[in-house]
Amino acid sequence: MKLESSSKRGRWEYGLWRLQSENAFVMKWREGSEKEEAEAEARQGIEGEERERENESRREKKLERKKDH
């Protein structure tokens, strides 16, 4: 069995460390972007509901005006 040279082993360990740190970064980035997407969807849902309520109240006011006339 041949022993690896220390420089080869060092480069291999550095490469492994770098790969793991990049992978951790990507996972955190994905997690953050998924949270942002979920928050944006929630905001859009809330804003959509508010708009729908406003539209409904406008419709009701128009109907009331028509009934009054």
PDB file of N, CA and C in Angstrom:
ATOM      1  N   MET A   1       0.842  -1.180   0.000  1.00  0.00           N
ATOM      2  CA  MET A   1       0.000   0.000   0.000  1.00  0.00           C
ATOM      3  C   MET A   1       0.881   1.234   0.000  1.00  0.00           C
ATOM      4  N   LYS A   2       0.591   2.129  -0.894  1.00  0.00           N
ATOM      5  CA  LYS A   2       1.391   3.336  -1.045  1.00  0.00           C
ATOM      6  C   LYS A   2       0.780   4.477  -0.228  1.00  0.00           C
ATOM      7  N   LEU A   3       1.608   5.162   0.499  1.00  0.00           N
ATOM      8  CA  LEU A   3       1.132   6.303   1.269  1.00  0.00           C
ATOM      9  C   LEU A   3       1.005   7.521   0.355  1.00  0.00           C
ATOM     10  N   GLU A   4      -0.052   8.314   0.597  1.00  0.00           N
ATOM     11  CA  GLU A   4      -0.216   9.534  -0.186  1.00  0.00           C
ATOM     12  C   GLU A   4       0.782  10.571   0.284  1.00  0.00           C
ATOM     13  N   SER A   5       1.213  11.407  -0.623  1.00  0.00           N
ATOM     14  CA  SER A   5       2.091  12.494  -0.215  1.00  0.00           C
ATOM     15  C   SER A   5       1.262  13.509   0.559  1.00  0.00           C
ATOM     16  N   SER A   6       1.911  14.225   1.438  1.00  0.00           N
ATOM     17  CA  SER A   6       1.177  15.171   2.279  1.00  0.00           C
ATOM     18  C   SER A   6       0.550  16.290   1.450  1.00  0.00           C
ATOM     19  N   SER A   7       1.206  16.695   0.358  1.00  0.00           N
ATOM     20  CA  SER A   7       0.633  17.770  -0.446  1.00  0.00           C
ATOM     21  C   SER A   7      -0.634  17.308  -1.158  1.00  0.00           C
ATOM     22  N   LYS A   8      -0.633  16.060  -1.650  1.00  0.00           N
ATOM     23  CA  LYS A   8      -1.835  15.532  -2.294  1.00  0.00           C
ATOM     24  C   LYS A   8      -2.962  15.433  -1.278  1.00  0.00           C
ATOM     25  N   ARG A   9      -2.628  14.930  -0.095  1.00  0.00           N
ATOM     26  CA  ARG A   9      -3.640  14.774   0.948  1.00  0.00           C
ATOM     27  C   ARG A   9      -4.171  16.148   1.357  1.00  0.00           C
ATOM     28  N   GLY A  10      -3.271  17.118   1.478  1.00  0.00           N
ATOM     29  CA  GLY A  10      -3.682  18.468   1.843  1.00  0.00           C
ATOM     30  C   GLY A  10      -4.604  19.078   0.803  1.00  0.00           C
ATOM     31  N   ARG A  11      -4.264  18.897  -0.461  1.00  0.00           N
ATOM     32  CA  ARG A  11      -5.125  19.421  -1.529  1.00  0.00           C
ATOM     33  C   ARG A  11      -6.482  18.735  -1.530  1.00  0.00           C
ATOM     34  N   TRP A  12      -6.468  17.432  -1.290  1.00  0.00           N
ATOM     35  CA  TRP A  12      -7.718  16.681  -1.250  1.00  0.00           C
ATOM     36  C   TRP A  12      -8.587  17.162  -0.095  1.00  0.00           C
ATOM     37  N   GLU A  13      -7.982  17.342   1.085  1.00  0.00           N
ATOM     38  CA  GLU A  13      -8.734  17.816   2.250  1.00  0.00           C
ATOM     39  C   GLU A  13      -9.257  19.234   2.020  1.00  0.00           C
ATOM     40  N   TYR A  14      -8.439  20.076   1.408  1.00  0.00           N
ATOM     41  CA  TYR A  14      -8.870  21.439   1.102  1.00  0.00           C
ATOM     42  C   TYR A  14     -10.039  21.417   0.117  1.00  0.00           C
ATOM     43  N   GLY A  15      -9.931  20.571  -0.904  1.00  0.00           N
ATOM     44  CA  GLY A  15     -11.015  20.456  -1.875  1.00  0.00           C
ATOM     45  C   GLY A  15     -12.299  19.977  -1.224  1.00  0.00           C
ATOM     46  N   LEU A  16     -12.188  19.003  -0.342  1.00  0.00           N
ATOM     47  CA  LEU A  16     -13.351  18.491   0.368  1.00  0.00           C
ATOM     48  C   LEU A  16     -13.956  19.587   1.256  1.00  0.00           C
ATOM     49  N   TRP A  17     -13.111  20.298   1.981  1.00  0.00           N
ATOM     50  CA  TRP A  17     -13.572  21.381   2.849  1.00  0.00           C
ATOM     51  C   TRP A  17     -14.289  22.462   2.034  1.00  0.00           C
ATOM     52  N   ARG A  18     -13.688  22.813   0.897  1.00  0.00           N
ATOM     53  CA  ARG A  18     -14.276  23.860   0.056  1.00  0.00           C
ATOM     54  C   ARG A  18     -15.629  23.415  -0.500  1.00  0.00           C
ATOM     55  N   LEU A  19     -15.703  22.172  -0.937  1.00  0.00           N
ATOM     56  CA  LEU A  19     -16.956  21.632  -1.454  1.00  0.00           C
ATOM     57  C   LEU A  19     -18.040  21.652  -0.376  1.00  0.00           C
ATOM     58  N   GLN A  20     -17.671  21.248   0.833  1.00  0.00           N
ATOM     59  CA  GLN A  20     -18.641  21.234   1.924  1.00  0.00           C
ATOM     60  C   GLN A  20     -19.095  22.648   2.273  1.00  0.00           C
ATOM     61  N   SER A  21     -18.183  23.602   2.300  1.00  0.00           N
ATOM     62  CA  SER A  21     -18.564  24.973   2.650  1.00  0.00           C
ATOM     63  C   SER A  21     -19.430  25.592   1.557  1.00  0.00           C
ATOM     64  N   GLU A  22     -19.120  25.307   0.283  1.00  0.00           N
ATOM     65  CA  GLU A  22     -19.955  25.813  -0.804  1.00  0.00           C
ATOM     66  C   GLU A  22     -21.344  25.180  -0.745  1.00  0.00           C
ATOM     67  N   ASN A  23     -21.391  23.897  -0.444  1.00  0.00           N
ATOM     68  CA  ASN A  23     -22.670  23.209  -0.333  1.00  0.00           C
ATOM     69  C   ASN A  23     -23.498  23.817   0.796  1.00  0.00           C
ATOM     70  N   ALA A  24     -22.870  24.100   1.926  1.00  0.00           N
ATOM     71  CA  ALA A  24     -23.576  24.714   3.048  1.00  0.00           C
ATOM     72  C   ALA A  24     -24.108  26.086   2.653  1.00  0.00           C
ATOM     73  N   PHE A  25     -23.303  26.853   1.931  1.00  0.00           N
ATOM     74  CA  PHE A  25     -23.732  28.176   1.477  1.00  0.00           C
ATOM     75  C   PHE A  25     -24.945  28.070   0.567  1.00  0.00           C
ATOM     76  N   VAL A  26     -24.893  27.141  -0.385  1.00  0.00           N
ATOM     77  CA  VAL A  26     -26.000  26.966  -1.327  1.00  0.00           C
ATOM     78  C   VAL A  26     -27.266  26.550  -0.582  1.00  0.00           C
ATOM     79  N   MET A  27     -27.134  25.658   0.382  1.00  0.00           N
ATOM     80  CA  MET A  27     -28.309  25.209   1.130  1.00  0.00           C
ATOM     81  C   MET A  27     -28.928  26.379   1.904  1.00  0.00           C
ATOM     82  N   LYS A  28     -28.098  27.206   2.534  1.00  0.00           N
ATOM     83  CA  LYS A  28     -28.615  28.371   3.259  1.00  0.00           C
ATOM     84  C   LYS A  28     -29.262  29.349   2.294  1.00  0.00           C
ATOM     85  N   TRP A  29     -28.653  29.547   1.141  1.00  0.00           N
ATOM     86  CA  TRP A  29     -29.194  30.470   0.144  1.00  0.00           C
ATOM     87  C   TRP A  29     -30.561  29.987  -0.342  1.00  0.00           C
ATOM     88  N   ARG A  30     -30.656  28.680  -0.623  1.00  0.00           N
ATOM     89  CA  ARG A  30     -31.933  28.116  -1.066  1.00  0.00           C
ATOM     90  C   ARG A  30     -32.991  28.280   0.011  1.00  0.00           C
ATOM     91  N   GLU A  31     -32.599  27.999   1.241  1.00  0.00           N
ATOM     92  CA  GLU A  31     -33.525  28.115   2.359  1.00  0.00           C
ATOM     93  C   GLU A  31     -34.045  29.551   2.470  1.00  0.00           C
ATOM     94  N   GLY A  32     -33.139  30.502   2.324  1.00  0.00           N
ATOM     95  CA  GLY A  32     -33.521  31.910   2.392  1.00  0.00           C
ATOM     96  C   GLY A  32     -34.430  32.305   1.248  1.00  0.00           C
ATOM     97  N   SER A  33     -34.134  31.839   0.044  1.00  0.00           N
ATOM     98  CA  SER A  33     -34.972  32.201  -1.106  1.00  0.00           C
ATOM     99  C   SER A  33     -36.341  31.536  -1.007  1.00  0.00           C
ATOM    100  N   GLU A  34     -36.406  30.335  -0.444  1.00  0.00           N
ATOM    101  CA  GLU A  34     -37.701  29.678  -0.260  1.00  0.00           C
ATOM    102  C   GLU A  34     -38.543  30.445   0.748  1.00  0.00           C
ATOM    103  N   LYS A  35     -37.903  30.941   1.808  1.00  0.00           N
ATOM    104  CA  LYS A  35     -38.630  31.744   2.798  1.00  0.00           C
ATOM    105  C   LYS A  35     -39.141  33.025   2.161  1.00  0.00           C
ATOM    106  N   GLU A  36     -38.295  33.676   1.359  1.00  0.00           N
ATOM    107  CA  GLU A  36     -38.707  34.915   0.688  1.00  0.00           C
ATOM    108  C   GLU A  36     -39.886  34.661  -0.236  1.00  0.00           C
ATOM    109  N   GLU A  37     -39.848  33.554  -0.979  1.00  0.00           N
ATOM    110  CA  GLU A  37     -40.949  33.223  -1.881  1.00  0.00           C
ATOM    111  C   GLU A  37     -42.237  32.990  -1.103  1.00  0.00           C
ATOM    112  N   ALA A  38     -42.135  32.264  -0.002  1.00  0.00           N
ATOM    113  CA  ALA A  38     -43.317  31.990   0.812  1.00  0.00           C
ATOM    114  C   ALA A  38     -43.884  33.286   1.386  1.00  0.00           C
ATOM    115  N   GLU A  39     -43.000  34.176   1.857  1.00  0.00           N
ATOM    116  CA  GLU A  39     -43.456  35.457   2.391  1.00  0.00           C
ATOM    117  C   GLU A  39     -44.104  36.296   1.293  1.00  0.00           C
ATOM    118  N   ALA A  40     -43.520  36.295   0.104  1.00  0.00           N
ATOM    119  CA  ALA A  40     -44.086  37.064  -1.009  1.00  0.00           C
ATOM    120  C   ALA A  40     -45.460  36.520  -1.391  1.00  0.00           C
ATOM    121  N   GLU A  41     -45.584  35.195  -1.434  1.00  0.00           N
ATOM    122  CA  GLU A  41     -46.876  34.596  -1.755  1.00  0.00           C
ATOM    123  C   GLU A  41     -47.912  34.938  -0.696  1.00  0.00           C
ATOM    124  N   ALA A  42     -47.492  34.918   0.564  1.00  0.00           N
ATOM    125  CA  ALA A  42     -48.413  35.267   1.650  1.00  0.00           C
ATOM    126  C   ALA A  42     -48.846  36.728   1.530  1.00  0.00           C
ATOM    127  N   ARG A  43     -47.876  37.608   1.238  1.00  0.00           N
ATOM    128  CA  ARG A  43     -48.204  39.027   1.075  1.00  0.00           C
ATOM    129  C   ARG A  43     -49.167  39.230  -0.085  1.00  0.00           C
ATOM    130  N   GLN A  44     -48.909  38.536  -1.192  1.00  0.00           N
ATOM    131  CA  GLN A  44     -49.792  38.659  -2.357  1.00  0.00           C
ATOM    132  C   GLN A  44     -51.189  38.156  -2.024  1.00  0.00           C
ATOM    133  N   GLY A  45     -51.271  37.090  -1.273  1.00  0.00           N
ATOM    134  CA  GLY A  45     -52.568  36.555  -0.875  1.00  0.00           C
ATOM    135  C   GLY A  45     -53.325  37.540  -0.008  1.00  0.00           C
ATOM    136  N   ILE A  46     -52.644  38.140   0.951  1.00  0.00           N
ATOM    137  CA  ILE A  46     -53.267  39.120   1.831  1.00  0.00           C
ATOM    138  C   ILE A  46     -53.692  40.352   1.041  1.00  0.00           C
ATOM    139  N   GLU A  47     -52.797  40.839   0.185  1.00  0.00           N
ATOM    140  CA  GLU A  47     -53.125  42.008  -0.630  1.00  0.00           C
ATOM    141  C   GLU A  47     -54.289  41.705  -1.563  1.00  0.00           C
ATOM    142  N   GLY A  48     -54.329  40.515  -2.119  1.00  0.00           N
ATOM    143  CA  GLY A  48     -55.424  40.117  -2.996  1.00  0.00           C
ATOM    144  C   GLY A  48     -56.751  40.076  -2.250  1.00  0.00           C
ATOM    145  N   GLU A  49     -56.720  39.556  -1.024  1.00  0.00           N
ATOM    146  CA  GLU A  49     -57.934  39.521  -0.215  1.00  0.00           C
ATOM    147  C   GLU A  49     -58.402  40.935   0.115  1.00  0.00           C
ATOM    148  N   GLU A  50     -57.456  41.819   0.445  1.00  0.00           N
ATOM    149  CA  GLU A  50     -57.818  43.202   0.746  1.00  0.00           C
ATOM    150  C   GLU A  50     -58.441  43.874  -0.473  1.00  0.00           C
ATOM    151  N   ARG A  51     -57.835  43.673  -1.640  1.00  0.00           N
ATOM    152  CA  ARG A  51     -58.392  44.244  -2.865  1.00  0.00           C
ATOM    153  C   ARG A  51     -59.790  43.704  -3.136  1.00  0.00           C
ATOM    154  N   GLU A  52     -59.952  42.407  -2.917  1.00  0.00           N
ATOM    155  CA  GLU A  52     -61.252  41.784  -3.140  1.00  0.00           C
ATOM    156  C   GLU A  52     -62.300  42.393  -2.210  1.00  0.00           C
ATOM    157  N   ARG A  53     -61.938  42.605  -0.939  1.00  0.00           N
ATOM    158  CA  ARG A  53     -62.866  43.230   0.010  1.00  0.00           C
ATOM    159  C   ARG A  53     -63.205  44.653  -0.411  1.00  0.00           C
ATOM    160  N   GLU A  54     -62.195  45.396  -0.857  1.00  0.00           N
ATOM    161  CA  GLU A  54     -62.431  46.766  -1.314  1.00  0.00           C
ATOM    162  C   GLU A  54     -63.365  46.776  -2.523  1.00  0.00           C
ATOM    163  N   ASN A  55     -63.118  45.893  -3.465  1.00  0.00           N
ATOM    164  CA  ASN A  55     -63.970  45.804  -4.652  1.00  0.00           C
ATOM    165  C   ASN A  55     -65.404  45.443  -4.260  1.00  0.00           C
ATOM    166  N   GLU A  56     -65.531  44.512  -3.337  1.00  0.00           N
ATOM    167  CA  GLU A  56     -66.856  44.090  -2.891  1.00  0.00           C
ATOM    168  C   GLU A  56     -67.587  45.253  -2.219  1.00  0.00           C
ATOM    169  N   SER A  57     -66.883  46.009  -1.388  1.00  0.00           N
ATOM    170  CA  SER A  57     -67.532  47.149  -0.732  1.00  0.00           C
ATOM    171  C   SER A  57     -67.918  48.210  -1.758  1.00  0.00           C
ATOM    172  N   ARG A  58     -67.107  48.418  -2.786  1.00  0.00           N
ATOM    173  CA  ARG A  58     -67.458  49.365  -3.851  1.00  0.00           C
ATOM    174  C   ARG A  58     -68.719  48.901  -4.587  1.00  0.00           C
ATOM    175  N   ARG A  59     -68.782  47.615  -4.880  1.00  0.00           N
ATOM    176  CA  ARG A  59     -69.965  47.075  -5.562  1.00  0.00           C
ATOM    177  C   ARG A  59     -71.221  47.288  -4.722  1.00  0.00           C
ATOM    178  N   GLU A  60     -71.078  47.010  -3.418  1.00  0.00           N
ATOM    179  CA  GLU A  60     -72.232  47.186  -2.522  1.00  0.00           C
ATOM    180  C   GLU A  60     -72.663  48.642  -2.476  1.00  0.00           C
ATOM    181  N   LYS A  61     -71.715  49.568  -2.420  1.00  0.00           N
ATOM    182  CA  LYS A  61     -72.051  50.997  -2.401  1.00  0.00           C
ATOM    183  C   LYS A  61     -72.753  51.411  -3.681  1.00  0.00           C
ATOM    184  N   LYS A  62     -72.278  50.902  -4.815  1.00  0.00           N
ATOM    185  CA  LYS A  62     -72.916  51.215  -6.101  1.00  0.00           C
ATOM    186  C   LYS A  62     -74.347  50.698  -6.123  1.00  0.00           C
ATOM    187  N   LEU A  63     -74.558  49.474  -5.621  1.00  0.00           N
ATOM    188  CA  LEU A  63     -75.903  48.905  -5.588  1.00  0.00           C
ATOM    189  C   LEU A  63     -76.816  49.728  -4.690  1.00  0.00           C
ATOM    190  N   GLU A  64     -76.289  50.176  -3.547  1.00  0.00           N
ATOM    191  CA  GLU A  64     -77.076  50.998  -2.640  1.00  0.00           C
ATOM    192  C   GLU A  64     -77.466  52.315  -3.302  1.00  0.00           C
ATOM    193  N   ARG A  65     -76.537  52.915  -4.027  1.00  0.00           N
ATOM    194  CA  ARG A  65     -76.823  54.174  -4.721  1.00  0.00           C
ATOM    195  C   ARG A  65     -77.910  53.974  -5.772  1.00  0.00           C
ATOM    196  N   LYS A  66     -77.813  52.856  -6.498  1.00  0.00           N
ATOM    197  CA  LYS A  66     -78.815  52.574  -7.529  1.00  0.00           C
ATOM    198  C   LYS A  66     -80.189  52.365  -6.890  1.00  0.00           C
ATOM    199  N   LYS A  67     -80.230  51.702  -5.744  1.00  0.00           N
ATOM    200  CA  LYS A  67     -81.501  51.464  -5.056  1.00  0.00           C
ATOM    201  C   LYS A  67     -82.101  52.778  -4.554  1.00  0.00           C
ATOM    202  N   ASP A  68     -81.238  53.694  -4.095  1.00  0.00           N
ATOM    203  CA  ASP A  68     -81.699  54.978  -3.578  1.00  0.00           C
ATOM    204  C   ASP A  68     -82.292  55.841  -4.677  1.00  0.00           C
ATOM    205  N   HIS A  69     -81.806  55.719  -5.872  1.00  0.00           N
ATOM    206  CA  HIS A  69     -82.276  56.577  -6.982  1.00  0.00           C
ATOM    207  C   HIS A  69     -83.447  56.000  -7.627  1.00  0.00           C
TER     208      HIS A  69
END
